[in-house]
């Protein structure tokens, strides 16, 4: 696969990661609307909301950064280190999503998208040394 094709696939995955982050942010409030979290004390509820919102924000920001940086990677090869670092964190996020939410189909989607992105970032790093 040529570098331009790898970048194009990476940019598509980046957009999908942003969309997953937006879905995550919206889904954070669905248990609140249903009242399913009323059994949690206020401190635990606040902590859960914070962690859920920051996870969605991480997906959104990582996807946006990758989308923007991938556009310039052929011109500025040093970006491969930054992009690869983002890919590592996304891979960790995907693995931990499935570890902690095995029954959640969105966790599996996060794993697939994030590992796919990691593979793209790894290939770019190896190609653009």
N, C-alpha and C. Protein backbone atom coordinates (compact mmCIF):
# COMPACT_ATOMS: atom_id res chain seq x y z
N UNK A 1 0.86 -1.17 0.00
CA UNK A 1 0.00 0.00 0.00
C UNK A 1 0.90 1.24 0.00
N UNK A 2 0.59 2.17 -0.86
CA UNK A 2 1.38 3.40 -0.96
C UNK A 2 1.11 4.31 0.23
N UNK A 3 2.05 5.19 0.49
CA UNK A 3 1.93 6.11 1.62
C UNK A 3 0.66 6.95 1.52
N UNK A 4 0.32 7.42 0.34
CA UNK A 4 -0.88 8.25 0.17
C UNK A 4 -2.14 7.46 0.53
N UNK A 5 -2.17 6.19 0.19
CA UNK A 5 -3.32 5.36 0.52
C UNK A 5 -3.40 5.11 2.03
N UNK A 6 -2.26 4.88 2.64
CA UNK A 6 -2.22 4.67 4.09
C UNK A 6 -2.73 5.92 4.81
N UNK A 7 -2.30 7.08 4.33
CA UNK A 7 -2.75 8.34 4.93
C UNK A 7 -4.25 8.50 4.76
N UNK A 8 -4.76 8.17 3.59
CA UNK A 8 -6.20 8.29 3.34
C UNK A 8 -7.00 7.38 4.28
N UNK A 9 -6.56 6.14 4.45
CA UNK A 9 -7.22 5.22 5.38
C UNK A 9 -7.13 5.77 6.80
N UNK A 10 -5.97 6.30 7.17
CA UNK A 10 -5.81 6.89 8.49
C UNK A 10 -6.74 8.06 8.74
N UNK A 11 -6.94 8.87 7.72
CA UNK A 11 -7.84 10.02 7.87
C UNK A 11 -9.30 9.56 8.01
N UNK A 12 -9.67 8.52 7.27
CA UNK A 12 -11.03 7.97 7.41
C UNK A 12 -11.22 7.41 8.82
N UNK A 13 -10.24 6.65 9.31
CA UNK A 13 -10.32 6.13 10.68
C UNK A 13 -10.38 7.27 11.70
N UNK A 14 -9.67 8.35 11.44
CA UNK A 14 -9.70 9.50 12.34
C UNK A 14 -11.10 10.09 12.45
N UNK A 15 -11.76 10.22 11.33
CA UNK A 15 -13.14 10.75 11.33
C UNK A 15 -14.05 9.80 12.10
N UNK A 16 -13.88 8.49 11.89
CA UNK A 16 -14.71 7.52 12.61
C UNK A 16 -14.46 7.56 14.11
N UNK A 17 -13.22 7.81 14.50
CA UNK A 17 -12.90 7.94 15.93
C UNK A 17 -13.57 9.19 16.51
N UNK A 18 -13.57 10.28 15.76
CA UNK A 18 -14.26 11.49 16.21
C UNK A 18 -15.75 11.20 16.39
N UNK A 19 -16.35 10.52 15.44
CA UNK A 19 -17.77 10.17 15.54
C UNK A 19 -18.03 9.27 16.75
N UNK A 20 -17.14 8.31 16.99
CA UNK A 20 -17.28 7.45 18.16
C UNK A 20 -17.20 8.27 19.45
N UNK A 21 -16.32 9.26 19.47
CA UNK A 21 -16.22 10.13 20.65
C UNK A 21 -17.48 10.95 20.87
N UNK A 22 -18.08 11.42 19.78
CA UNK A 22 -19.33 12.18 19.89
C UNK A 22 -20.45 11.28 20.41
N UNK A 23 -20.50 10.05 19.90
CA UNK A 23 -21.50 9.09 20.39
C UNK A 23 -21.26 8.81 21.87
N UNK A 24 -20.00 8.69 22.25
CA UNK A 24 -19.66 8.44 23.66
C UNK A 24 -20.14 9.58 24.55
N UNK A 25 -19.91 10.80 24.09
CA UNK A 25 -20.36 11.97 24.87
C UNK A 25 -21.88 11.96 25.03
N UNK A 26 -22.59 11.68 23.93
CA UNK A 26 -24.06 11.65 24.00
C UNK A 26 -24.54 10.51 24.88
N UNK A 27 -23.87 9.37 24.79
CA UNK A 27 -24.29 8.21 25.57
C UNK A 27 -24.01 8.36 27.05
N UNK A 28 -23.14 9.28 27.41
CA UNK A 28 -22.85 9.51 28.82
C UNK A 28 -24.11 9.91 29.58
N UNK A 29 -24.98 10.65 28.92
CA UNK A 29 -26.17 11.16 29.60
C UNK A 29 -27.38 10.24 29.51
N UNK A 30 -27.33 9.20 28.67
CA UNK A 30 -28.51 8.34 28.55
C UNK A 30 -28.87 7.61 29.85
N UNK A 31 -27.90 7.11 30.65
CA UNK A 31 -28.30 6.51 31.93
C UNK A 31 -28.90 7.53 32.89
N UNK A 32 -28.47 8.78 32.78
CA UNK A 32 -29.02 9.82 33.65
C UNK A 32 -30.47 10.09 33.31
N UNK A 33 -30.78 10.11 32.01
CA UNK A 33 -32.15 10.36 31.58
C UNK A 33 -33.07 9.23 32.04
N UNK A 34 -32.58 7.99 31.96
CA UNK A 34 -33.37 6.84 32.38
C UNK A 34 -33.41 6.70 33.91
N UNK A 35 -32.57 7.43 34.59
CA UNK A 35 -32.53 7.35 36.05
C UNK A 35 -31.79 6.13 36.56
N UNK A 36 -31.00 5.49 35.72
CA UNK A 36 -30.31 4.27 36.10
C UNK A 36 -29.14 4.47 37.03
N UNK A 37 -28.74 5.70 37.25
CA UNK A 37 -27.58 5.95 38.11
C UNK A 37 -27.98 6.56 39.45
N UNK A 38 -29.24 6.52 39.76
CA UNK A 38 -29.71 7.14 41.00
C UNK A 38 -29.17 6.43 42.24
N UNK A 39 -28.74 5.17 42.09
CA UNK A 39 -28.24 4.44 43.24
C UNK A 39 -26.82 4.88 43.63
N UNK A 40 -26.14 5.61 42.76
CA UNK A 40 -24.79 6.08 43.07
C UNK A 40 -24.85 7.31 43.97
N UNK A 41 -23.89 7.39 44.88
CA UNK A 41 -23.82 8.61 45.69
C UNK A 41 -23.28 9.73 44.82
N UNK A 42 -23.44 10.96 45.29
CA UNK A 42 -23.10 12.14 44.48
C UNK A 42 -21.64 12.14 44.03
N UNK A 43 -20.71 11.79 44.90
CA UNK A 43 -19.29 11.78 44.55
C UNK A 43 -18.97 10.74 43.49
N UNK A 44 -19.53 9.55 43.63
CA UNK A 44 -19.29 8.49 42.65
C UNK A 44 -19.90 8.86 41.31
N UNK A 45 -21.10 9.43 41.33
CA UNK A 45 -21.76 9.85 40.10
C UNK A 45 -20.93 10.92 39.38
N UNK A 46 -20.45 11.89 40.14
CA UNK A 46 -19.62 12.95 39.55
C UNK A 46 -18.34 12.38 38.95
N UNK A 47 -17.71 11.45 39.65
CA UNK A 47 -16.49 10.82 39.14
C UNK A 47 -16.78 10.04 37.86
N UNK A 48 -17.86 9.29 37.85
CA UNK A 48 -18.23 8.50 36.67
C UNK A 48 -18.51 9.42 35.48
N UNK A 49 -19.21 10.50 35.72
CA UNK A 49 -19.50 11.44 34.64
C UNK A 49 -18.23 12.07 34.09
N UNK A 50 -17.35 12.47 34.99
CA UNK A 50 -16.09 13.07 34.56
C UNK A 50 -15.29 12.09 33.70
N UNK A 51 -15.12 10.87 34.19
CA UNK A 51 -14.32 9.88 33.46
C UNK A 51 -14.94 9.55 32.11
N UNK A 52 -16.24 9.45 32.07
CA UNK A 52 -16.92 9.14 30.81
C UNK A 52 -16.79 10.29 29.82
N UNK A 53 -16.97 11.50 30.30
CA UNK A 53 -16.86 12.66 29.42
C UNK A 53 -15.43 12.86 28.92
N UNK A 54 -14.45 12.64 29.79
CA UNK A 54 -13.06 12.83 29.38
C UNK A 54 -12.64 11.75 28.39
N UNK A 55 -13.18 10.55 28.51
CA UNK A 55 -12.88 9.49 27.55
C UNK A 55 -13.42 9.85 26.17
N UNK A 56 -14.65 10.35 26.12
CA UNK A 56 -15.21 10.79 24.84
C UNK A 56 -14.44 11.96 24.27
N UNK A 57 -14.04 12.89 25.12
CA UNK A 57 -13.27 14.04 24.67
C UNK A 57 -11.90 13.60 24.13
N UNK A 58 -11.30 12.59 24.77
CA UNK A 58 -10.02 12.06 24.29
C UNK A 58 -10.17 11.49 22.88
N UNK A 59 -11.23 10.75 22.64
CA UNK A 59 -11.46 10.20 21.30
C UNK A 59 -11.64 11.32 20.28
N UNK A 60 -12.43 12.32 20.63
CA UNK A 60 -12.67 13.43 19.71
C UNK A 60 -11.37 14.17 19.40
N UNK A 61 -10.63 14.54 20.43
CA UNK A 61 -9.39 15.30 20.22
C UNK A 61 -8.34 14.47 19.48
N UNK A 62 -8.21 13.19 19.82
CA UNK A 62 -7.24 12.34 19.12
C UNK A 62 -7.59 12.22 17.64
N UNK A 63 -8.87 12.02 17.35
CA UNK A 63 -9.30 11.92 15.96
C UNK A 63 -9.05 13.20 15.19
N UNK A 64 -9.34 14.33 15.81
CA UNK A 64 -9.12 15.62 15.14
C UNK A 64 -7.63 15.85 14.90
N UNK A 65 -6.81 15.60 15.92
CA UNK A 65 -5.36 15.77 15.76
C UNK A 65 -4.80 14.88 14.66
N UNK A 66 -5.19 13.61 14.67
CA UNK A 66 -4.71 12.71 13.63
C UNK A 66 -5.15 13.17 12.25
N UNK A 67 -6.40 13.57 12.13
CA UNK A 67 -6.91 14.03 10.84
C UNK A 67 -6.08 15.19 10.31
N UNK A 68 -5.78 16.14 11.18
CA UNK A 68 -5.01 17.31 10.75
C UNK A 68 -3.54 16.99 10.49
N UNK A 69 -2.93 16.19 11.36
CA UNK A 69 -1.51 15.90 11.23
C UNK A 69 -1.21 14.98 10.05
N UNK A 70 -2.10 14.05 9.78
CA UNK A 70 -1.86 13.11 8.67
C UNK A 70 -1.77 13.84 7.33
N UNK A 71 -2.44 14.96 7.23
CA UNK A 71 -2.42 15.75 6.00
C UNK A 71 -1.00 16.26 5.68
N UNK A 72 -0.19 16.45 6.72
CA UNK A 72 1.13 17.07 6.55
C UNK A 72 2.30 16.11 6.78
N UNK A 73 2.01 14.84 6.99
CA UNK A 73 3.08 13.91 7.38
C UNK A 73 4.11 13.67 6.27
N UNK A 74 3.70 13.71 5.04
CA UNK A 74 4.67 13.49 3.95
C UNK A 74 5.67 14.64 3.84
N UNK A 75 5.21 15.84 4.16
CA UNK A 75 6.09 17.00 4.09
C UNK A 75 6.98 17.11 5.34
N UNK A 76 6.42 16.79 6.49
CA UNK A 76 7.14 16.91 7.76
C UNK A 76 7.21 15.53 8.42
N UNK A 77 8.27 14.80 8.15
CA UNK A 77 8.39 13.43 8.63
C UNK A 77 8.46 13.32 10.15
N UNK A 78 8.89 14.38 10.83
CA UNK A 78 8.97 14.33 12.29
C UNK A 78 7.59 14.14 12.92
N UNK A 79 6.54 14.43 12.17
CA UNK A 79 5.18 14.24 12.69
C UNK A 79 4.87 12.76 12.93
N UNK A 80 5.63 11.88 12.31
CA UNK A 80 5.36 10.45 12.48
C UNK A 80 5.51 10.03 13.94
N UNK A 81 6.42 10.67 14.68
CA UNK A 81 6.58 10.36 16.11
C UNK A 81 5.35 10.78 16.90
N UNK A 82 4.84 11.95 16.62
CA UNK A 82 3.65 12.46 17.32
C UNK A 82 2.45 11.60 16.98
N UNK A 83 2.29 11.31 15.70
CA UNK A 83 1.16 10.51 15.24
C UNK A 83 1.23 9.10 15.83
N UNK A 84 2.43 8.53 15.89
CA UNK A 84 2.59 7.20 16.47
C UNK A 84 2.25 7.20 17.96
N UNK A 85 2.62 8.25 18.66
CA UNK A 85 2.28 8.35 20.09
C UNK A 85 0.77 8.39 20.28
N UNK A 86 0.07 9.14 19.46
CA UNK A 86 -1.39 9.16 19.52
C UNK A 86 -1.93 7.77 19.23
N UNK A 87 -1.35 7.08 18.25
CA UNK A 87 -1.77 5.72 17.92
C UNK A 87 -1.59 4.76 19.09
N UNK A 88 -0.51 4.91 19.83
CA UNK A 88 -0.28 4.06 21.02
C UNK A 88 -1.37 4.28 22.05
N UNK A 89 -1.66 5.54 22.35
CA UNK A 89 -2.69 5.83 23.34
C UNK A 89 -4.07 5.36 22.89
N UNK A 90 -4.36 5.48 21.61
CA UNK A 90 -5.63 4.98 21.10
C UNK A 90 -5.70 3.46 21.22
N UNK A 91 -4.61 2.77 20.94
CA UNK A 91 -4.59 1.30 21.08
C UNK A 91 -4.84 0.90 22.53
N UNK A 92 -4.21 1.58 23.45
CA UNK A 92 -4.43 1.30 24.88
C UNK A 92 -5.90 1.54 25.22
N UNK A 93 -6.45 2.63 24.72
CA UNK A 93 -7.86 2.94 24.96
C UNK A 93 -8.76 1.82 24.42
N UNK A 94 -8.48 1.33 23.24
CA UNK A 94 -9.30 0.28 22.64
C UNK A 94 -9.24 -1.02 23.44
N UNK A 95 -8.04 -1.41 23.85
CA UNK A 95 -7.89 -2.64 24.62
C UNK A 95 -8.59 -2.52 25.97
N UNK A 96 -8.41 -1.39 26.64
CA UNK A 96 -9.05 -1.21 27.95
C UNK A 96 -10.57 -1.09 27.84
N UNK A 97 -11.05 -0.57 26.72
CA UNK A 97 -12.51 -0.50 26.51
C UNK A 97 -13.12 -1.89 26.56
N UNK A 98 -12.50 -2.81 25.86
CA UNK A 98 -13.02 -4.18 25.83
C UNK A 98 -12.78 -4.87 27.18
N UNK A 99 -11.66 -4.58 27.81
CA UNK A 99 -11.36 -5.19 29.10
C UNK A 99 -12.42 -4.81 30.14
N UNK A 100 -12.80 -3.54 30.18
CA UNK A 100 -13.73 -3.08 31.20
C UNK A 100 -15.19 -3.16 30.78
N UNK A 101 -15.47 -3.22 29.49
CA UNK A 101 -16.86 -3.25 29.02
C UNK A 101 -17.02 -4.34 27.97
N UNK A 102 -16.71 -5.58 28.32
CA UNK A 102 -16.68 -6.68 27.38
C UNK A 102 -18.00 -6.86 26.63
N UNK A 103 -19.11 -6.62 27.30
CA UNK A 103 -20.44 -6.83 26.69
C UNK A 103 -20.93 -5.64 25.87
N UNK A 104 -20.18 -4.57 25.82
CA UNK A 104 -20.59 -3.35 25.12
C UNK A 104 -20.09 -3.40 23.68
N UNK A 105 -21.02 -3.38 22.70
CA UNK A 105 -20.58 -3.42 21.29
C UNK A 105 -19.75 -2.20 20.89
N UNK A 106 -19.97 -1.07 21.54
CA UNK A 106 -19.18 0.12 21.22
C UNK A 106 -17.74 -0.03 21.70
N UNK A 107 -17.53 -0.81 22.75
CA UNK A 107 -16.16 -1.09 23.20
C UNK A 107 -15.42 -1.88 22.13
N UNK A 108 -16.09 -2.82 21.52
CA UNK A 108 -15.48 -3.61 20.44
C UNK A 108 -15.23 -2.74 19.21
N UNK A 109 -16.14 -1.82 18.95
CA UNK A 109 -15.94 -0.88 17.84
C UNK A 109 -14.73 0.01 18.12
N UNK A 110 -14.61 0.47 19.36
CA UNK A 110 -13.44 1.27 19.75
C UNK A 110 -12.16 0.46 19.58
N UNK A 111 -12.19 -0.81 19.96
CA UNK A 111 -11.01 -1.66 19.80
C UNK A 111 -10.61 -1.76 18.33
N UNK A 112 -11.57 -2.04 17.48
CA UNK A 112 -11.28 -2.21 16.05
C UNK A 112 -10.74 -0.92 15.45
N UNK A 113 -11.42 0.20 15.70
CA UNK A 113 -10.97 1.49 15.15
C UNK A 113 -9.61 1.90 15.69
N UNK A 114 -9.43 1.74 16.98
CA UNK A 114 -8.19 2.19 17.61
C UNK A 114 -7.00 1.31 17.25
N UNK A 115 -7.19 0.01 17.18
CA UNK A 115 -6.10 -0.87 16.76
C UNK A 115 -5.79 -0.64 15.28
N UNK A 116 -6.84 -0.43 14.47
CA UNK A 116 -6.62 -0.10 13.06
C UNK A 116 -5.80 1.17 12.91
N UNK A 117 -6.12 2.17 13.70
CA UNK A 117 -5.38 3.42 13.67
C UNK A 117 -3.94 3.21 14.13
N UNK A 118 -3.76 2.40 15.16
CA UNK A 118 -2.41 2.10 15.63
C UNK A 118 -1.58 1.45 14.52
N UNK A 119 -2.16 0.52 13.80
CA UNK A 119 -1.45 -0.16 12.71
C UNK A 119 -1.06 0.85 11.63
N UNK A 120 -1.99 1.75 11.30
CA UNK A 120 -1.70 2.80 10.31
C UNK A 120 -0.54 3.68 10.79
N UNK A 121 -0.60 4.10 12.04
CA UNK A 121 0.46 4.99 12.56
C UNK A 121 1.79 4.26 12.63
N UNK A 122 1.77 2.98 12.96
CA UNK A 122 3.00 2.20 12.99
C UNK A 122 3.59 2.07 11.59
N UNK A 123 2.76 1.78 10.61
CA UNK A 123 3.25 1.66 9.23
C UNK A 123 3.85 2.98 8.74
N UNK A 124 3.18 4.08 9.06
CA UNK A 124 3.72 5.38 8.65
C UNK A 124 5.05 5.67 9.33
N UNK A 125 5.15 5.32 10.60
CA UNK A 125 6.40 5.55 11.33
C UNK A 125 7.53 4.75 10.69
N UNK A 126 7.25 3.50 10.32
CA UNK A 126 8.28 2.66 9.72
C UNK A 126 8.65 3.11 8.30
N UNK A 127 7.67 3.60 7.56
CA UNK A 127 7.91 4.05 6.20
C UNK A 127 8.69 5.37 6.19
N UNK A 128 8.36 6.27 7.09
CA UNK A 128 8.90 7.63 7.06
C UNK A 128 10.03 7.86 8.06
N UNK A 129 10.79 6.84 8.36
CA UNK A 129 11.90 6.99 9.31
C UNK A 129 12.84 8.09 8.90
